[in-house]
C-alpha atoms as a PDB file:
ATOM      1  CA  MET A   1     138.586  63.029 317.940  1.00  0.00           C
ATOM      2  CA  LYS A   2     136.743  60.192 316.252  1.00  0.00           C
ATOM      3  CA  ARG A   3     136.471  57.011 318.252  1.00  0.00           C
ATOM      4  CA  ILE A   4     136.470  53.704 316.392  1.00  0.00           C
ATOM      5  CA  CYS A   5     134.797  50.590 317.813  1.00  0.00           C
ATOM      6  CA  ASN A   6     137.295  47.966 318.974  1.00  0.00           C
ATOM      7  CA  GLN A   7     134.930  45.176 317.928  1.00  0.00           C
ATOM      8  CA  CYS A   8     133.810  46.097 314.394  1.00  0.00           C
ATOM      9  CA  GLN A   9     135.822  49.232 313.411  1.00  0.00           C
ATOM     10  CA  THR A  10     132.698  51.414 312.982  1.00  0.00           C
ATOM     11  CA  GLU A  11     132.780  55.094 313.988  1.00  0.00           C
ATOM     12  CA  MET A  12     131.224  55.459 317.445  1.00  0.00           C
ATOM     13  CA  ILE A  13     128.670  58.008 318.674  1.00  0.00           C
ATOM     14  CA  ASP A  14     130.375  60.207 321.320  1.00  0.00           C
ATOM     15  CA  ASP A  15     129.252  62.471 324.149  1.00  0.00           C
ATOM     16  CA  CYS A  16     126.711  60.093 325.698  1.00  0.00           C
ATOM     17  CA  LYS A  17     125.793  60.721 329.330  1.00  0.00           C
ATOM     18  CA  VAL A  18     126.681  58.014 331.879  1.00  0.00           C
ATOM     19  CA  ASN A  19     124.290  57.330 334.788  1.00  0.00           C
ATOM     20  CA  VAL A  20     124.173  54.687 337.493  1.00  0.00           C
ATOM     21  CA  GLN A  21     120.645  53.421 338.039  1.00  0.00           C
ATOM     22  CA  GLY A  22     119.534  54.044 341.599  1.00  0.00           C
ATOM     23  CA  GLY A  23     122.626  56.143 342.305  1.00  0.00           C
ATOM     24  CA  MET A  24     122.403  59.865 342.924  1.00  0.00           C
ATOM     25  CA  ASN A  25     126.092  60.688 342.387  1.00  0.00           C
ATOM     26  CA  GLY A  26     126.945  58.791 339.209  1.00  0.00           C
ATOM     27  CA  ILE A  27     130.534  57.854 338.376  1.00  0.00           C
ATOM     28  CA  LYS A  28     133.581  60.028 339.001  1.00  0.00           C
ATOM     29  CA  ILE A  29     137.225  59.262 338.209  1.00  0.00           C
ATOM     30  CA  SER A  30     139.783  60.912 340.488  1.00  0.00           C
ATOM     31  CA  GLN A  31     143.505  60.913 341.215  1.00  0.00           C
ATOM     32  CA  LYS A  32     145.439  62.308 344.145  1.00  0.00           C
ATOM     33  CA  LYS A  33     148.175  64.663 342.913  1.00  0.00           C
ATOM     34  CA  GLY A  34     149.861  65.767 346.104  1.00  0.00           C
ATOM     35  CA  LEU A  35     149.015  66.449 349.707  1.00  0.00           C
ATOM     36  CA  PHE A  36     145.971  68.649 349.090  1.00  0.00           C
ATOM     37  CA  LYS A  37     145.421  68.525 345.330  1.00  0.00           C
ATOM     38  CA  ARG A  38     143.140  66.094 343.554  1.00  0.00           C
ATOM     39  CA  VAL A  39     142.041  65.972 339.931  1.00  0.00           C
ATOM     40  CA  SER A  40     138.711  64.442 338.932  1.00  0.00           C
ATOM     41  CA  ALA A  41     136.449  64.042 335.914  1.00  0.00           C
ATOM     42  CA  ASN A  42     133.058  62.666 335.016  1.00  0.00           C
ATOM     43  CA  PRO A  43     133.273  60.020 332.290  1.00  0.00           C
ATOM     44  CA  LYS A  44     131.284  60.144 329.074  1.00  0.00           C
ATOM     45  CA  GLY A  45     130.326  57.206 326.921  1.00  0.00           C
ATOM     46  CA  SER A  46     130.670  56.239 323.278  1.00  0.00           C
ATOM     47  CA  VAL A  47     128.270  53.788 321.696  1.00  0.00           C
ATOM     48  CA  CYS A  48     128.801  51.818 318.498  1.00  0.00           C
ATOM     49  CA  PRO A  49     125.683  52.079 316.311  1.00  0.00           C
ATOM     50  CA  ASN A  50     126.604  48.823 314.537  1.00  0.00           C
ATOM     51  CA  CYS A  51     127.263  46.299 317.341  1.00  0.00           C
ATOM     52  CA  GLY A  52     126.333  48.101 320.590  1.00  0.00           C
ATOM     53  CA  TYR A  53     129.851  48.145 322.096  1.00  0.00           C
ATOM     54  CA  VAL A  54     130.212  50.833 324.801  1.00  0.00           C
ATOM     55  CA  ALA A  55     133.433  52.636 325.800  1.00  0.00           C
ATOM     56  CA  PHE A  56     134.036  55.239 328.514  1.00  0.00           C
ATOM     57  CA  TYR A  57     136.319  58.275 328.139  1.00  0.00           C
ATOM     58  CA  ILE A  58     137.053  61.649 329.753  1.00  0.00           C
ATOM     59  CA  ASP A  59     137.686  64.909 327.904  1.00  0.00           C
ATOM     60  CA  ASN A  60     140.404  66.363 330.174  1.00  0.00           C
ATOM     61  CA  PHE A  61     142.652  63.300 330.344  1.00  0.00           C
ATOM     62  CA  ARG A  62     145.850  65.397 330.227  1.00  0.00           C
ATOM     63  CA  GLU A  63     145.160  66.624 333.779  1.00  0.00           C
ATOM     64  CA  PHE A  64     145.844  63.073 335.022  1.00  0.00           C
ATOM     65  CA  ILE A  65     149.450  63.008 333.784  1.00  0.00           C
ATOM     66  CA  LYS A  66     151.882  63.045 336.703  1.00  0.00           C
END
């Protein structure tokens, strides 16, 4: 899936790794889906090579649908 920059409509570069400086665990997105079940994902980043805009996304977003 091609991502298009919201600022300048240029095709973005996908699959960039996201790190938090000084943090050992990084970023994780999670959702509780019942008493004992939880779904989580590590976000990736897209970068626009034209203007530098950055967007986060996850590959398995369908797992978050209730």
